[in-house]
Amino acid sequence: MNGKTSNCQLLSAAEVGEMLSLSKRTIHRYNCSGKIPAPVRVGGSVRWIESEISAWIRAGAPDRKMWNSMKETKDGSD
């Protein structure tokens, strides 16, 4: 495993909901409508990367399309 993923904390919809003061169901709705960053799939589970959710919140919680654009711009500037 590389250094970028070894300390990666994965969150369930319920845990993301706790961070945002939203219900698990609302997190799933936001995911389907593209209002939160895309999750990763682990087997049959859907999880979100904690560091990405934290960065997304610090960025003002933009929709997924804008968030992906912001990430690409940041990755290209390094």
PDB file of N, CA and C in Angstrom:
ATOM      1  N   MET A   1       0.835  -1.178   0.000  1.00  0.00           N
ATOM      2  CA  MET A   1       0.000   0.000   0.000  1.00  0.00           C
ATOM      3  C   MET A   1       0.882   1.244   0.000  1.00  0.00           C
ATOM      4  N   ASN A   2       0.449   2.291  -0.742  1.00  0.00           N
ATOM      5  CA  ASN A   2       1.249   3.513  -0.749  1.00  0.00           C
ATOM      6  C   ASN A   2       0.882   4.401   0.437  1.00  0.00           C
ATOM      7  N   GLY A   3       1.675   5.425   0.676  1.00  0.00           N
ATOM      8  CA  GLY A   3       1.480   6.313   1.822  1.00  0.00           C
ATOM      9  C   GLY A   3       0.189   7.096   1.786  1.00  0.00           C
ATOM     10  N   LYS A   4      -0.342   7.344   0.594  1.00  0.00           N
ATOM     11  CA  LYS A   4      -1.563   8.139   0.497  1.00  0.00           C
ATOM     12  C   LYS A   4      -2.783   7.412   1.022  1.00  0.00           C
ATOM     13  N   THR A   5      -2.837   6.109   0.891  1.00  0.00           N
ATOM     14  CA  THR A   5      -4.032   5.380   1.293  1.00  0.00           C
ATOM     15  C   THR A   5      -3.880   4.623   2.607  1.00  0.00           C
ATOM     16  N   SER A   6      -2.676   4.528   3.160  1.00  0.00           N
ATOM     17  CA  SER A   6      -2.485   3.724   4.356  1.00  0.00           C
ATOM     18  C   SER A   6      -3.200   4.311   5.572  1.00  0.00           C
ATOM     19  N   ASN A   7      -3.367   5.626   5.642  1.00  0.00           N
ATOM     20  CA  ASN A   7      -4.055   6.256   6.763  1.00  0.00           C
ATOM     21  C   ASN A   7      -5.456   6.706   6.379  1.00  0.00           C
ATOM     22  N   CYS A   8      -6.013   6.109   5.380  1.00  0.00           N
ATOM     23  CA  CYS A   8      -7.310   6.507   4.846  1.00  0.00           C
ATOM     24  C   CYS A   8      -8.431   5.950   5.727  1.00  0.00           C
ATOM     25  N   GLN A   9      -9.243   6.851   6.264  1.00  0.00           N
ATOM     26  CA  GLN A   9     -10.387   6.458   7.079  1.00  0.00           C
ATOM     27  C   GLN A   9     -11.629   6.494   6.197  1.00  0.00           C
ATOM     28  N   LEU A  10     -12.378   5.412   6.170  1.00  0.00           N
ATOM     29  CA  LEU A  10     -13.603   5.342   5.379  1.00  0.00           C
ATOM     30  C   LEU A  10     -14.813   5.505   6.294  1.00  0.00           C
ATOM     31  N   LEU A  11     -15.775   6.288   5.828  1.00  0.00           N
ATOM     32  CA  LEU A  11     -16.968   6.589   6.613  1.00  0.00           C
ATOM     33  C   LEU A  11     -18.217   6.015   5.967  1.00  0.00           C
ATOM     34  N   SER A  12     -19.122   5.543   6.770  1.00  0.00           N
ATOM     35  CA  SER A  12     -20.428   5.091   6.290  1.00  0.00           C
ATOM     36  C   SER A  12     -21.323   6.312   6.072  1.00  0.00           C
ATOM     37  N   ALA A  13     -22.467   6.089   5.469  1.00  0.00           N
ATOM     38  CA  ALA A  13     -23.434   7.172   5.272  1.00  0.00           C
ATOM     39  C   ALA A  13     -23.876   7.740   6.616  1.00  0.00           C
ATOM     40  N   ALA A  14     -24.038   6.896   7.604  1.00  0.00           N
ATOM     41  CA  ALA A  14     -24.438   7.365   8.934  1.00  0.00           C
ATOM     42  C   ALA A  14     -23.363   8.270   9.535  1.00  0.00           C
ATOM     43  N   GLU A  15     -22.091   7.915   9.354  1.00  0.00           N
ATOM     44  CA  GLU A  15     -20.998   8.721   9.901  1.00  0.00           C
ATOM     45  C   GLU A  15     -20.865  10.056   9.168  1.00  0.00           C
ATOM     46  N   VAL A  16     -21.041  10.037   7.843  1.00  0.00           N
ATOM     47  CA  VAL A  16     -21.032  11.284   7.084  1.00  0.00           C
ATOM     48  C   VAL A  16     -22.210  12.147   7.542  1.00  0.00           C
ATOM     49  N   GLY A  17     -23.347  11.518   7.748  1.00  0.00           N
ATOM     50  CA  GLY A  17     -24.519  12.227   8.238  1.00  0.00           C
ATOM     51  C   GLY A  17     -24.268  12.895   9.574  1.00  0.00           C
ATOM     52  N   GLU A  18     -23.550  12.205  10.462  1.00  0.00           N
ATOM     53  CA  GLU A  18     -23.215  12.804  11.761  1.00  0.00           C
ATOM     54  C   GLU A  18     -22.344  14.038  11.568  1.00  0.00           C
ATOM     55  N   MET A  19     -21.377  13.972  10.652  1.00  0.00           N
ATOM     56  CA  MET A  19     -20.495  15.118  10.398  1.00  0.00           C
ATOM     57  C   MET A  19     -21.287  16.325   9.902  1.00  0.00           C
ATOM     58  N   LEU A  20     -22.338  16.057   9.125  1.00  0.00           N
ATOM     59  CA  LEU A  20     -23.110  17.120   8.489  1.00  0.00           C
ATOM     60  C   LEU A  20     -24.431  17.418   9.192  1.00  0.00           C
ATOM     61  N   SER A  21     -24.703  16.709  10.272  1.00  0.00           N
ATOM     62  CA  SER A  21     -25.980  16.827  10.991  1.00  0.00           C
ATOM     63  C   SER A  21     -27.157  16.518  10.068  1.00  0.00           C
ATOM     64  N   LEU A  22     -26.999  15.446   9.290  1.00  0.00           N
ATOM     65  CA  LEU A  22     -28.044  14.978   8.377  1.00  0.00           C
ATOM     66  C   LEU A  22     -28.297  13.497   8.632  1.00  0.00           C
ATOM     67  N   SER A  23     -29.444  13.019   8.180  1.00  0.00           N
ATOM     68  CA  SER A  23     -29.748  11.598   8.343  1.00  0.00           C
ATOM     69  C   SER A  23     -29.025  10.764   7.289  1.00  0.00           C
ATOM     70  N   LYS A  24     -28.922   9.490   7.565  1.00  0.00           N
ATOM     71  CA  LYS A  24     -28.324   8.543   6.623  1.00  0.00           C
ATOM     72  C   LYS A  24     -29.090   8.578   5.292  1.00  0.00           C
ATOM     73  N   ARG A  25     -30.387   8.635   5.377  1.00  0.00           N
ATOM     74  CA  ARG A  25     -31.220   8.669   4.169  1.00  0.00           C
ATOM     75  C   ARG A  25     -30.936   9.924   3.342  1.00  0.00           C
ATOM     76  N   THR A  26     -30.772  11.058   4.005  1.00  0.00           N
ATOM     77  CA  THR A  26     -30.467  12.300   3.293  1.00  0.00           C
ATOM     78  C   THR A  26     -29.104  12.204   2.620  1.00  0.00           C
ATOM     79  N   ILE A  27     -28.136  11.572   3.274  1.00  0.00           N
ATOM     80  CA  ILE A  27     -26.817  11.388   2.654  1.00  0.00           C
ATOM     81  C   ILE A  27     -26.964  10.569   1.376  1.00  0.00           C
ATOM     82  N   HIS A  28     -27.758   9.526   1.400  1.00  0.00           N
ATOM     83  CA  HIS A  28     -27.963   8.720   0.195  1.00  0.00           C
ATOM     84  C   HIS A  28     -28.682   9.536  -0.896  1.00  0.00           C
ATOM     85  N   ARG A  29     -29.631  10.352  -0.508  1.00  0.00           N
ATOM     86  CA  ARG A  29     -30.306  11.225  -1.481  1.00  0.00           C
ATOM     87  C   ARG A  29     -29.321  12.216  -2.094  1.00  0.00           C
ATOM     88  N   TYR A  30     -28.496  12.838  -1.241  1.00  0.00           N
ATOM     89  CA  TYR A  30     -27.495  13.786  -1.735  1.00  0.00           C
ATOM     90  C   TYR A  30     -26.503  13.092  -2.671  1.00  0.00           C
ATOM     91  N   ASN A  31     -26.154  11.865  -2.361  1.00  0.00           N
ATOM     92  CA  ASN A  31     -25.246  11.116  -3.224  1.00  0.00           C
ATOM     93  C   ASN A  31     -25.878  10.889  -4.594  1.00  0.00           C
ATOM     94  N   CYS A  32     -27.120  10.463  -4.609  1.00  0.00           N
ATOM     95  CA  CYS A  32     -27.816  10.195  -5.880  1.00  0.00           C
ATOM     96  C   CYS A  32     -27.992  11.459  -6.711  1.00  0.00           C
ATOM     97  N   SER A  33     -28.136  12.603  -6.052  1.00  0.00           N
ATOM     98  CA  SER A  33     -28.344  13.850  -6.781  1.00  0.00           C
ATOM     99  C   SER A  33     -27.047  14.615  -7.030  1.00  0.00           C
ATOM    100  N   GLY A  34     -25.904  14.060  -6.602  1.00  0.00           N
ATOM    101  CA  GLY A  34     -24.618  14.686  -6.871  1.00  0.00           C
ATOM    102  C   GLY A  34     -24.313  15.893  -6.015  1.00  0.00           C
ATOM    103  N   LYS A  35     -24.858  15.923  -4.812  1.00  0.00           N
ATOM    104  CA  LYS A  35     -24.632  17.077  -3.922  1.00  0.00           C
ATOM    105  C   LYS A  35     -23.455  16.874  -2.971  1.00  0.00           C
ATOM    106  N   ILE A  36     -22.917  15.658  -2.904  1.00  0.00           N
ATOM    107  CA  ILE A  36     -21.765  15.377  -2.053  1.00  0.00           C
ATOM    108  C   ILE A  36     -20.719  14.647  -2.888  1.00  0.00           C
ATOM    109  N   PRO A  37     -19.471  14.606  -2.431  1.00  0.00           N
ATOM    110  CA  PRO A  37     -18.440  13.885  -3.182  1.00  0.00           C
ATOM    111  C   PRO A  37     -18.821  12.426  -3.411  1.00  0.00           C
ATOM    112  N   ALA A  38     -18.326  11.874  -4.483  1.00  0.00           N
ATOM    113  CA  ALA A  38     -18.624  10.488  -4.826  1.00  0.00           C
ATOM    114  C   ALA A  38     -18.010   9.536  -3.804  1.00  0.00           C
ATOM    115  N   PRO A  39     -18.740   8.508  -3.440  1.00  0.00           N
ATOM    116  CA  PRO A  39     -18.203   7.511  -2.510  1.00  0.00           C
ATOM    117  C   PRO A  39     -17.333   6.495  -3.245  1.00  0.00           C
ATOM    118  N   VAL A  40     -16.692   5.643  -2.472  1.00  0.00           N
ATOM    119  CA  VAL A  40     -15.982   4.495  -3.026  1.00  0.00           C
ATOM    120  C   VAL A  40     -16.773   3.256  -2.635  1.00  0.00           C
ATOM    121  N   ARG A  41     -16.657   2.228  -3.425  1.00  0.00           N
ATOM    122  CA  ARG A  41     -17.334   0.971  -3.106  1.00  0.00           C
ATOM    123  C   ARG A  41     -16.307  -0.014  -2.580  1.00  0.00           C
ATOM    124  N   VAL A  42     -16.647  -0.636  -1.470  1.00  0.00           N
ATOM    125  CA  VAL A  42     -15.811  -1.663  -0.873  1.00  0.00           C
ATOM    126  C   VAL A  42     -16.700  -2.887  -0.744  1.00  0.00           C
ATOM    127  N   GLY A  43     -16.502  -3.828  -1.652  1.00  0.00           N
ATOM    128  CA  GLY A  43     -17.410  -4.966  -1.695  1.00  0.00           C
ATOM    129  C   GLY A  43     -18.801  -4.457  -2.023  1.00  0.00           C
ATOM    130  N   GLY A  44     -19.768  -4.763  -1.186  1.00  0.00           N
ATOM    131  CA  GLY A  44     -21.126  -4.278  -1.383  1.00  0.00           C
ATOM    132  C   GLY A  44     -21.430  -3.003  -0.614  1.00  0.00           C
ATOM    133  N   SER A  45     -20.416  -2.432   0.028  1.00  0.00           N
ATOM    134  CA  SER A  45     -20.623  -1.246   0.859  1.00  0.00           C
ATOM    135  C   SER A  45     -20.253   0.043   0.135  1.00  0.00           C
ATOM    136  N   VAL A  46     -20.894   1.112   0.527  1.00  0.00           N
ATOM    137  CA  VAL A  46     -20.590   2.443   0.004  1.00  0.00           C
ATOM    138  C   VAL A  46     -19.957   3.221   1.145  1.00  0.00           C
ATOM    139  N   ARG A  47     -18.777   3.775   0.898  1.00  0.00           N
ATOM    140  CA  ARG A  47     -18.051   4.525   1.926  1.00  0.00           C
ATOM    141  C   ARG A  47     -17.498   5.815   1.342  1.00  0.00           C
ATOM    142  N   TRP A  48     -17.296   6.802   2.210  1.00  0.00           N
ATOM    143  CA  TRP A  48     -16.705   8.077   1.812  1.00  0.00           C
ATOM    144  C   TRP A  48     -15.363   8.216   2.509  1.00  0.00           C
ATOM    145  N   ILE A  49     -14.400   8.837   1.825  1.00  0.00           N
ATOM    146  CA  ILE A  49     -13.074   9.056   2.392  1.00  0.00           C
ATOM    147  C   ILE A  49     -13.151  10.274   3.320  1.00  0.00           C
ATOM    148  N   GLU A  50     -12.793  10.059   4.571  1.00  0.00           N
ATOM    149  CA  GLU A  50     -12.945  11.108   5.586  1.00  0.00           C
ATOM    150  C   GLU A  50     -12.194  12.383   5.206  1.00  0.00           C
ATOM    151  N   SER A  51     -10.971  12.259   4.736  1.00  0.00           N
ATOM    152  CA  SER A  51     -10.190  13.454   4.394  1.00  0.00           C
ATOM    153  C   SER A  51     -10.838  14.229   3.250  1.00  0.00           C
ATOM    154  N   GLU A  52     -11.472  13.531   2.312  1.00  0.00           N
ATOM    155  CA  GLU A  52     -12.149  14.221   1.209  1.00  0.00           C
ATOM    156  C   GLU A  52     -13.397  14.947   1.712  1.00  0.00           C
ATOM    157  N   ILE A  53     -14.162  14.308   2.573  1.00  0.00           N
ATOM    158  CA  ILE A  53     -15.360  14.958   3.121  1.00  0.00           C
ATOM    159  C   ILE A  53     -14.957  16.195   3.923  1.00  0.00           C
ATOM    160  N   SER A  54     -13.896  16.097   4.711  1.00  0.00           N
ATOM    161  CA  SER A  54     -13.428  17.251   5.496  1.00  0.00           C
ATOM    162  C   SER A  54     -12.981  18.392   4.586  1.00  0.00           C
ATOM    163  N   ALA A  55     -12.227  18.061   3.529  1.00  0.00           N
ATOM    164  CA  ALA A  55     -11.775  19.088   2.583  1.00  0.00           C
ATOM    165  C   ALA A  55     -12.960  19.702   1.848  1.00  0.00           C
ATOM    166  N   TRP A  56     -13.944  18.888   1.501  1.00  0.00           N
ATOM    167  CA  TRP A  56     -15.152  19.356   0.815  1.00  0.00           C
ATOM    168  C   TRP A  56     -15.924  20.345   1.699  1.00  0.00           C
ATOM    169  N   ILE A  57     -16.015  20.039   2.990  1.00  0.00           N
ATOM    170  CA  ILE A  57     -16.690  20.947   3.925  1.00  0.00           C
ATOM    171  C   ILE A  57     -15.929  22.267   4.008  1.00  0.00           C
ATOM    172  N   ARG A  58     -14.589  22.191   4.135  1.00  0.00           N
ATOM    173  CA  ARG A  58     -13.776  23.411   4.205  1.00  0.00           C
ATOM    174  C   ARG A  58     -13.907  24.252   2.940  1.00  0.00           C
ATOM    175  N   ALA A  59     -14.174  23.602   1.807  1.00  0.00           N
ATOM    176  CA  ALA A  59     -14.322  24.305   0.528  1.00  0.00           C
ATOM    177  C   ALA A  59     -15.718  24.906   0.360  1.00  0.00           C
ATOM    178  N   GLY A  60     -16.589  24.712   1.337  1.00  0.00           N
ATOM    179  CA  GLY A  60     -17.925  25.298   1.263  1.00  0.00           C
ATOM    180  C   GLY A  60     -18.995  24.348   0.772  1.00  0.00           C
ATOM    181  N   ALA A  61     -18.694  23.056   0.719  1.00  0.00           N
ATOM    182  CA  ALA A  61     -19.648  22.014   0.333  1.00  0.00           C
ATOM    183  C   ALA A  61     -20.278  22.248  -1.046  1.00  0.00           C
ATOM    184  N   PRO A  62     -19.443  22.410  -2.091  1.00  0.00           N
ATOM    185  CA  PRO A  62     -20.000  22.583  -3.437  1.00  0.00           C
ATOM    186  C   PRO A  62     -20.601  21.277  -3.952  1.00  0.00           C
ATOM    187  N   ASP A  63     -21.396  21.351  -5.016  1.00  0.00           N
ATOM    188  CA  ASP A  63     -21.934  20.115  -5.586  1.00  0.00           C
ATOM    189  C   ASP A  63     -20.785  19.295  -6.183  1.00  0.00           C
ATOM    190  N   ARG A  64     -21.064  18.034  -6.514  1.00  0.00           N
ATOM    191  CA  ARG A  64     -20.036  17.095  -6.966  1.00  0.00           C
ATOM    192  C   ARG A  64     -19.300  17.578  -8.207  1.00  0.00           C
ATOM    193  N   LYS A  65     -20.019  18.137  -9.153  1.00  0.00           N
ATOM    194  CA  LYS A  65     -19.386  18.588 -10.394  1.00  0.00           C
ATOM    195  C   LYS A  65     -18.365  19.690 -10.094  1.00  0.00           C
ATOM    196  N   MET A  66     -18.748  20.648  -9.281  1.00  0.00           N
ATOM    197  CA  MET A  66     -17.845  21.733  -8.911  1.00  0.00           C
ATOM    198  C   MET A  66     -16.683  21.192  -8.082  1.00  0.00           C
ATOM    199  N   TRP A  67     -16.969  20.288  -7.158  1.00  0.00           N
ATOM    200  CA  TRP A  67     -15.936  19.702  -6.301  1.00  0.00           C
ATOM    201  C   TRP A  67     -14.890  18.986  -7.154  1.00  0.00           C
ATOM    202  N   ASN A  68     -15.343  18.192  -8.120  1.00  0.00           N
ATOM    203  CA  ASN A  68     -14.396  17.480  -8.978  1.00  0.00           C
ATOM    204  C   ASN A  68     -13.542  18.461  -9.772  1.00  0.00           C
ATOM    205  N   SER A  69     -14.158  19.542 -10.228  1.00  0.00           N
ATOM    206  CA  SER A  69     -13.415  20.576 -10.947  1.00  0.00           C
ATOM    207  C   SER A  69     -12.367  21.220 -10.041  1.00  0.00           C
ATOM    208  N   MET A  70     -12.743  21.496  -8.810  1.00  0.00           N
ATOM    209  CA  MET A  70     -11.814  22.092  -7.843  1.00  0.00           C
ATOM    210  C   MET A  70     -10.651  21.145  -7.554  1.00  0.00           C
ATOM    211  N   LYS A  71     -10.940  19.850  -7.431  1.00  0.00           N
ATOM    212  CA  LYS A  71      -9.885  18.870  -7.169  1.00  0.00           C
ATOM    213  C   LYS A  71      -8.923  18.778  -8.351  1.00  0.00           C
ATOM    214  N   GLU A  72      -9.469  18.788  -9.569  1.00  0.00           N
ATOM    215  CA  GLU A  72      -8.618  18.701 -10.762  1.00  0.00           C
ATOM    216  C   GLU A  72      -7.705  19.918 -10.861  1.00  0.00           C
ATOM    217  N   THR A  73      -8.235  21.091 -10.555  1.00  0.00           N
ATOM    218  CA  THR A  73      -7.443  22.314 -10.600  1.00  0.00           C
ATOM    219  C   THR A  73      -6.318  22.243  -9.564  1.00  0.00           C
ATOM    220  N   LYS A  74      -6.654  21.782  -8.365  1.00  0.00           N
ATOM    221  CA  LYS A  74      -5.655  21.663  -7.306  1.00  0.00           C
ATOM    222  C   LYS A  74      -4.586  20.641  -7.685  1.00  0.00           C
ATOM    223  N   ASP A  75      -5.001  19.481  -8.221  1.00  0.00           N
ATOM    224  CA  ASP A  75      -4.050  18.448  -8.602  1.00  0.00           C
ATOM    225  C   ASP A  75      -3.143  18.915  -9.731  1.00  0.00           C
ATOM    226  N   GLY A  76      -3.653  19.732 -10.625  1.00  0.00           N
ATOM    227  CA  GLY A  76      -2.864  20.223 -11.730  1.00  0.00           C
ATOM    228  C   GLY A  76      -1.872  21.304 -11.350  1.00  0.00           C
ATOM    229  N   SER A  77      -2.100  21.961 -10.211  1.00  0.00           N
ATOM    230  CA  SER A  77      -1.232  23.060  -9.810  1.00  0.00           C
ATOM    231  C   SER A  77      -0.044  22.597  -8.974  1.00  0.00           C
ATOM    232  N   ASP A  78      -0.017  21.321  -8.558  1.00  0.00           N
ATOM    233  CA  ASP A  78       1.085  20.801  -7.727  1.00  0.00           C
ATOM    234  C   ASP A  78       2.337  20.560  -8.512  1.00  0.00           C
TER     235      ASP A  78
END
